[in-house]
Amino acid sequence: LSASLSLIHTFKLAKQRDIAYIELVVDNVQAEITKYLWNISCGQLTPALSKRLFAFSSIVYDIERIGDRSTNIVELSESKHKRKAQFSEPAEKELNEIGNLVMRNLDDTVILIERRDMKRIEDVFERHLQIVLAIKAATEKHLERFYQKVCLAEAGPIFVDMLVNLERISDHCQIIAEYIKNIEDNP
């Protein structure tokens, strides 16, 4: 995600290729982990272990979807670059602020996967709400700028699509945090 966000401002084909490679690796790792978890699920599991296995499967899926959404941001950055579309200064600021909030949620989510921490889980939930509200406000402000002809028509759909992808990434972070919150310590 961090690399994807950097392409919004300065698009580089080499970095796009690097991100595409990482996405392939994430897809392959997800497929292997899912296959492994499926093989485990064929055995006799207690209800608590079954619940835990389901949570792990869902977490793996959400991680892969974060990769897909990050790739979408790269594609939107490429489109912005090819069309020579420019975001207004307020739009750039809003995108940076929201991107930073989403990165903080993603960073906390990575830590949660390694170590369950109820305070961090609550931080992810609270920050997700901030992100949703910031995206709603940014979308409304974008419409105002568009009507005032401050924002160019070709940049608008790209800006809004980037916001949608950032919100979905935060959604996946919140879902992962929710699963981790509900995983029993001693199955």
C-alpha atoms as a PDB file:
ATOM      1  CA  LEU A   1       0.000   0.000   0.000  1.00  0.00           C
ATOM      2  CA  SER A   2       2.776   2.408   0.872  1.00  0.00           C
ATOM      3  CA  ALA A   3       4.426   1.907  -2.526  1.00  0.00           C
ATOM      4  CA  SER A   4       1.050   2.226  -4.252  1.00  0.00           C
ATOM      5  CA  LEU A   5       0.308   5.523  -2.518  1.00  0.00           C
ATOM      6  CA  SER A   6       3.683   6.915  -3.566  1.00  0.00           C
ATOM      7  CA  LEU A   7       2.758   6.394  -7.230  1.00  0.00           C
ATOM      8  CA  ILE A   8      -0.163   8.808  -6.952  1.00  0.00           C
ATOM      9  CA  HIS A   9       2.251  11.734  -6.892  1.00  0.00           C
ATOM     10  CA  THR A  10       5.158  10.353  -8.919  1.00  0.00           C
ATOM     11  CA  PHE A  11       4.267   7.492 -11.235  1.00  0.00           C
ATOM     12  CA  LYS A  12       7.146   5.146 -12.083  1.00  0.00           C
ATOM     13  CA  LEU A  13       6.702   2.138 -14.347  1.00  0.00           C
ATOM     14  CA  ALA A  14       9.450   0.160 -12.551  1.00  0.00           C
ATOM     15  CA  LYS A  15       7.690   0.588  -9.205  1.00  0.00           C
ATOM     16  CA  GLN A  16       4.397  -0.456 -10.825  1.00  0.00           C
ATOM     17  CA  ARG A  17       6.083  -3.687 -12.003  1.00  0.00           C
ATOM     18  CA  ASP A  18       7.485  -4.307  -8.511  1.00  0.00           C
ATOM     19  CA  ILE A  19       4.025  -3.931  -6.991  1.00  0.00           C
ATOM     20  CA  ALA A  20       2.516  -6.250  -9.622  1.00  0.00           C
ATOM     21  CA  TYR A  21       5.129  -8.876  -8.699  1.00  0.00           C
ATOM     22  CA  ILE A  22       4.378  -8.509  -4.988  1.00  0.00           C
ATOM     23  CA  GLU A  23       0.671  -8.943  -5.772  1.00  0.00           C
ATOM     24  CA  LEU A  24       1.419 -12.208  -7.614  1.00  0.00           C
ATOM     25  CA  VAL A  25       3.384 -13.443  -4.611  1.00  0.00           C
ATOM     26  CA  VAL A  26       0.538 -12.480  -2.245  1.00  0.00           C
ATOM     27  CA  ASP A  27      -1.970 -14.331  -4.455  1.00  0.00           C
ATOM     28  CA  ASN A  28       0.210 -17.464  -4.494  1.00  0.00           C
ATOM     29  CA  VAL A  29       0.837 -17.372  -0.746  1.00  0.00           C
ATOM     30  CA  GLN A  30      -2.898 -16.934  -0.145  1.00  0.00           C
ATOM     31  CA  ALA A  31      -3.659 -19.960  -2.337  1.00  0.00           C
ATOM     32  CA  GLU A  32      -1.095 -22.102  -0.494  1.00  0.00           C
ATOM     33  CA  ILE A  33      -2.243 -21.042   2.973  1.00  0.00           C
ATOM     34  CA  THR A  34      -5.882 -21.603   2.019  1.00  0.00           C
ATOM     35  CA  LYS A  35      -5.044 -25.083   0.712  1.00  0.00           C
ATOM     36  CA  TYR A  36      -3.161 -25.850   3.925  1.00  0.00           C
ATOM     37  CA  LEU A  37      -6.031 -24.636   6.109  1.00  0.00           C
ATOM     38  CA  TRP A  38      -8.505 -26.643   4.036  1.00  0.00           C
ATOM     39  CA  ASN A  39      -6.421 -29.782   4.597  1.00  0.00           C
ATOM     40  CA  ILE A  40      -6.478 -29.123   8.345  1.00  0.00           C
ATOM     41  CA  SER A  41     -10.242 -28.612   8.253  1.00  0.00           C
ATOM     42  CA  CYS A  42     -10.705 -32.156   6.907  1.00  0.00           C
ATOM     43  CA  GLY A  43      -9.648 -33.521  10.307  1.00  0.00           C
ATOM     44  CA  GLN A  44     -11.571 -33.704  13.565  1.00  0.00           C
ATOM     45  CA  LEU A  45     -11.586 -30.233  15.122  1.00  0.00           C
ATOM     46  CA  THR A  46     -13.201 -28.935  18.264  1.00  0.00           C
ATOM     47  CA  PRO A  47     -15.742 -26.136  17.761  1.00  0.00           C
ATOM     48  CA  ALA A  48     -13.203 -23.629  19.124  1.00  0.00           C
ATOM     49  CA  LEU A  49     -10.506 -24.823  16.693  1.00  0.00           C
ATOM     50  CA  SER A  50     -12.996 -24.747  13.816  1.00  0.00           C
ATOM     51  CA  LYS A  51     -13.856 -21.144  14.693  1.00  0.00           C
ATOM     52  CA  ARG A  52     -10.151 -20.294  14.835  1.00  0.00           C
ATOM     53  CA  LEU A  53      -9.517 -21.986  11.483  1.00  0.00           C
ATOM     54  CA  PHE A  54     -12.371 -20.039   9.908  1.00  0.00           C
ATOM     55  CA  ALA A  55     -10.921 -16.793  11.305  1.00  0.00           C
ATOM     56  CA  PHE A  56      -7.483 -17.605   9.864  1.00  0.00           C
ATOM     57  CA  SER A  57      -9.009 -18.387   6.459  1.00  0.00           C
ATOM     58  CA  SER A  58     -10.890 -15.098   6.495  1.00  0.00           C
ATOM     59  CA  ILE A  59      -7.826 -13.137   7.579  1.00  0.00           C
ATOM     60  CA  VAL A  60      -5.810 -14.602   4.702  1.00  0.00           C
ATOM     61  CA  TYR A  61      -8.596 -13.622   2.287  1.00  0.00           C
ATOM     62  CA  ASP A  62      -8.706 -10.062   3.651  1.00  0.00           C
ATOM     63  CA  ILE A  63      -4.926  -9.687   3.346  1.00  0.00           C
ATOM     64  CA  GLU A  64      -5.132 -10.755  -0.294  1.00  0.00           C
ATOM     65  CA  ARG A  65      -7.956  -8.259  -0.913  1.00  0.00           C
ATOM     66  CA  ILE A  66      -5.816  -5.471   0.583  1.00  0.00           C
ATOM     67  CA  GLY A  67      -3.235  -6.375  -2.060  1.00  0.00           C
ATOM     68  CA  ASP A  68      -5.896  -6.211  -4.783  1.00  0.00           C
ATOM     69  CA  ARG A  69      -7.080  -2.792  -3.598  1.00  0.00           C
ATOM     70  CA  SER A  70      -3.488  -1.532  -3.454  1.00  0.00           C
ATOM     71  CA  THR A  71      -3.053  -2.700  -7.050  1.00  0.00           C
ATOM     72  CA  ASN A  72      -6.220  -0.803  -7.979  1.00  0.00           C
ATOM     73  CA  ILE A  73      -4.605   2.351  -6.600  1.00  0.00           C
ATOM     74  CA  VAL A  74      -1.578   1.680  -8.822  1.00  0.00           C
ATOM     75  CA  GLU A  75      -3.844   1.319 -11.870  1.00  0.00           C
ATOM     76  CA  LEU A  76      -5.622   4.548 -10.987  1.00  0.00           C
ATOM     77  CA  SER A  77      -2.247   6.278 -10.569  1.00  0.00           C
ATOM     78  CA  GLU A  78      -1.243   5.034 -14.008  1.00  0.00           C
ATOM     79  CA  SER A  79      -4.482   6.375 -15.469  1.00  0.00           C
ATOM     80  CA  LYS A  80      -3.893   9.722 -13.754  1.00  0.00           C
ATOM     81  CA  HIS A  81      -0.374   9.818 -15.191  1.00  0.00           C
ATOM     82  CA  LYS A  82      -1.400   8.845 -18.744  1.00  0.00           C
ATOM     83  CA  ARG A  83      -4.239  11.370 -18.798  1.00  0.00           C
ATOM     84  CA  LYS A  84      -1.997  14.023 -17.261  1.00  0.00           C
ATOM     85  CA  ALA A  85      -4.786  14.586 -14.737  1.00  0.00           C
ATOM     86  CA  GLN A  86      -3.982  16.819 -11.802  1.00  0.00           C
ATOM     87  CA  PHE A  87      -5.647  16.824  -8.403  1.00  0.00           C
ATOM     88  CA  SER A  88      -6.366  20.163  -6.786  1.00  0.00           C
ATOM     89  CA  GLU A  89      -4.232  21.085  -3.783  1.00  0.00           C
ATOM     90  CA  PRO A  90      -7.099  20.400  -1.330  1.00  0.00           C
ATOM     91  CA  ALA A  91      -7.709  17.001  -2.972  1.00  0.00           C
ATOM     92  CA  GLU A  92      -4.008  16.132  -2.665  1.00  0.00           C
ATOM     93  CA  LYS A  93      -4.096  17.088   1.021  1.00  0.00           C
ATOM     94  CA  GLU A  94      -7.244  15.034   1.675  1.00  0.00           C
ATOM     95  CA  LEU A  95      -5.802  12.021  -0.136  1.00  0.00           C
ATOM     96  CA  ASN A  96      -2.553  12.276   1.859  1.00  0.00           C
ATOM     97  CA  GLU A  97      -4.380  12.549   5.191  1.00  0.00           C
ATOM     98  CA  ILE A  98      -6.702   9.631   4.427  1.00  0.00           C
ATOM     99  CA  GLY A  99      -3.822   7.571   3.019  1.00  0.00           C
ATOM    100  CA  ASN A 100      -1.851   8.157   6.238  1.00  0.00           C
ATOM    101  CA  LEU A 101      -4.806   7.068   8.377  1.00  0.00           C
ATOM    102  CA  VAL A 102      -5.252   3.912   6.298  1.00  0.00           C
ATOM    103  CA  MET A 103      -1.505   3.170   6.535  1.00  0.00           C
ATOM    104  CA  ARG A 104      -1.711   3.502  10.329  1.00  0.00           C
ATOM    105  CA  ASN A 105      -4.633   1.058  10.361  1.00  0.00           C
ATOM    106  CA  LEU A 106      -2.714  -1.346   8.161  1.00  0.00           C
ATOM    107  CA  ASP A 107       0.414  -1.063  10.341  1.00  0.00           C
ATOM    108  CA  ASP A 108      -1.648  -1.765  13.461  1.00  0.00           C
ATOM    109  CA  THR A 109      -3.351  -4.697  11.737  1.00  0.00           C
ATOM    110  CA  VAL A 110       0.020  -6.246  10.878  1.00  0.00           C
ATOM    111  CA  ILE A 111       1.030  -5.970  14.531  1.00  0.00           C
ATOM    112  CA  LEU A 112      -2.299  -7.514  15.579  1.00  0.00           C
ATOM    113  CA  ILE A 113      -1.648 -10.531  13.379  1.00  0.00           C
ATOM    114  CA  GLU A 114       1.614 -11.051  15.217  1.00  0.00           C
ATOM    115  CA  ARG A 115       0.247 -10.244  18.699  1.00  0.00           C
ATOM    116  CA  ARG A 116      -3.301  -9.699  19.873  1.00  0.00           C
ATOM    117  CA  ASP A 117      -3.648  -6.324  21.612  1.00  0.00           C
ATOM    118  CA  MET A 118      -7.099  -5.086  22.644  1.00  0.00           C
ATOM    119  CA  LYS A 119      -6.015  -1.420  22.741  1.00  0.00           C
ATOM    120  CA  ARG A 120      -4.682  -1.648  19.189  1.00  0.00           C
ATOM    121  CA  ILE A 121      -7.888  -3.390  18.071  1.00  0.00           C
ATOM    122  CA  GLU A 122      -9.923  -0.487  19.465  1.00  0.00           C
ATOM    123  CA  ASP A 123      -7.551   1.962  17.736  1.00  0.00           C
ATOM    124  CA  VAL A 124      -8.231   0.238  14.394  1.00  0.00           C
ATOM    125  CA  PHE A 125     -12.003   0.464  14.973  1.00  0.00           C
ATOM    126  CA  GLU A 126     -11.848   4.147  15.956  1.00  0.00           C
ATOM    127  CA  ARG A 127      -9.502   5.066  13.119  1.00  0.00           C
ATOM    128  CA  HIS A 128     -11.725   3.222  10.632  1.00  0.00           C
ATOM    129  CA  LEU A 129     -14.621   5.439  11.669  1.00  0.00           C
ATOM    130  CA  GLN A 130     -12.383   8.512  11.191  1.00  0.00           C
ATOM    131  CA  ILE A 131     -11.484   7.227   7.712  1.00  0.00           C
ATOM    132  CA  VAL A 132     -15.113   6.673   6.712  1.00  0.00           C
ATOM    133  CA  LEU A 133     -16.043  10.180   7.880  1.00  0.00           C
ATOM    134  CA  ALA A 134     -12.990  11.743   6.188  1.00  0.00           C
ATOM    135  CA  ILE A 135     -13.832  10.003   2.904  1.00  0.00           C
ATOM    136  CA  LYS A 136     -17.436  11.176   3.085  1.00  0.00           C
ATOM    137  CA  ALA A 137     -16.249  14.754   3.708  1.00  0.00           C
ATOM    138  CA  ALA A 138     -13.609  14.544   0.951  1.00  0.00           C
ATOM    139  CA  THR A 139     -16.204  13.300  -1.528  1.00  0.00           C
ATOM    140  CA  GLU A 140     -18.574  16.136  -0.630  1.00  0.00           C
ATOM    141  CA  LYS A 141     -15.765  18.702  -0.888  1.00  0.00           C
ATOM    142  CA  HIS A 142     -14.754  17.208  -4.241  1.00  0.00           C
ATOM    143  CA  LEU A 143     -18.290  17.774  -5.564  1.00  0.00           C
ATOM    144  CA  GLU A 144     -18.153  21.391  -4.364  1.00  0.00           C
ATOM    145  CA  ARG A 145     -14.793  21.896  -6.088  1.00  0.00           C
ATOM    146  CA  PHE A 146     -16.139  20.281  -9.252  1.00  0.00           C
ATOM    147  CA  TYR A 147     -19.172  22.598  -9.352  1.00  0.00           C
ATOM    148  CA  GLN A 148     -16.894  25.585  -8.722  1.00  0.00           C
ATOM    149  CA  LYS A 149     -14.649  24.337 -11.583  1.00  0.00           C
ATOM    150  CA  VAL A 150     -11.650  24.103  -9.238  1.00  0.00           C
ATOM    151  CA  CYS A 151     -11.347  20.367  -9.893  1.00  0.00           C
ATOM    152  CA  LEU A 152     -10.862  19.129 -13.446  1.00  0.00           C
ATOM    153  CA  ALA A 153     -13.378  16.638 -14.828  1.00  0.00           C
ATOM    154  CA  GLU A 154     -10.795  13.968 -15.775  1.00  0.00           C
ATOM    155  CA  ALA A 155      -9.301  13.928 -12.269  1.00  0.00           C
ATOM    156  CA  GLY A 156     -12.589  13.547 -10.388  1.00  0.00           C
ATOM    157  CA  PRO A 157     -13.428   9.873 -11.058  1.00  0.00           C
ATOM    158  CA  ILE A 158      -9.821   8.862 -10.350  1.00  0.00           C
ATOM    159  CA  PHE A 159      -9.842  10.756  -7.038  1.00  0.00           C
ATOM    160  CA  VAL A 160     -13.160   9.222  -5.955  1.00  0.00           C
ATOM    161  CA  ASP A 161     -12.054   5.691  -6.977  1.00  0.00           C
ATOM    162  CA  MET A 162      -8.873   6.107  -4.941  1.00  0.00           C
ATOM    163  CA  LEU A 163     -10.967   7.078  -1.926  1.00  0.00           C
ATOM    164  CA  VAL A 164     -13.194   4.026  -2.431  1.00  0.00           C
ATOM    165  CA  ASN A 165     -10.165   1.719  -2.525  1.00  0.00           C
ATOM    166  CA  LEU A 166      -8.682   3.301   0.597  1.00  0.00           C
ATOM    167  CA  GLU A 167     -11.971   2.849   2.430  1.00  0.00           C
ATOM    168  CA  ARG A 168     -12.115  -0.827   1.380  1.00  0.00           C
ATOM    169  CA  ILE A 169      -8.563  -1.389   2.627  1.00  0.00           C
ATOM    170  CA  SER A 170      -9.568   0.071   5.979  1.00  0.00           C
ATOM    171  CA  ASP A 171     -12.685  -2.154   5.920  1.00  0.00           C
ATOM    172  CA  HIS A 172     -10.425  -5.200   5.555  1.00  0.00           C
ATOM    173  CA  CYS A 173      -8.226  -3.975   8.417  1.00  0.00           C
ATOM    174  CA  GLN A 174     -11.293  -3.644  10.624  1.00  0.00           C
ATOM    175  CA  ILE A 175     -12.517  -7.124   9.656  1.00  0.00           C
ATOM    176  CA  ILE A 176      -9.118  -8.637  10.489  1.00  0.00           C
ATOM    177  CA  ALA A 177      -9.088  -6.796  13.834  1.00  0.00           C
ATOM    178  CA  GLU A 178     -12.581  -8.121  14.555  1.00  0.00           C
ATOM    179  CA  TYR A 179     -11.514 -11.705  13.845  1.00  0.00           C
ATOM    180  CA  ILE A 180      -8.431 -11.335  16.022  1.00  0.00           C
ATOM    181  CA  LYS A 181     -10.550  -9.831  18.793  1.00  0.00           C
ATOM    182  CA  ASN A 182     -12.858 -12.863  18.712  1.00  0.00           C
ATOM    183  CA  ILE A 183     -10.199 -15.589  18.490  1.00  0.00           C
ATOM    184  CA  GLU A 184     -10.149 -17.524  21.726  1.00  0.00           C
ATOM    185  CA  ASP A 185      -6.806 -17.639  23.520  1.00  0.00           C
ATOM    186  CA  ASN A 186      -7.045 -21.306  24.491  1.00  0.00           C
ATOM    187  CA  PRO A 187      -9.050 -23.285  21.912  1.00  0.00           C
END
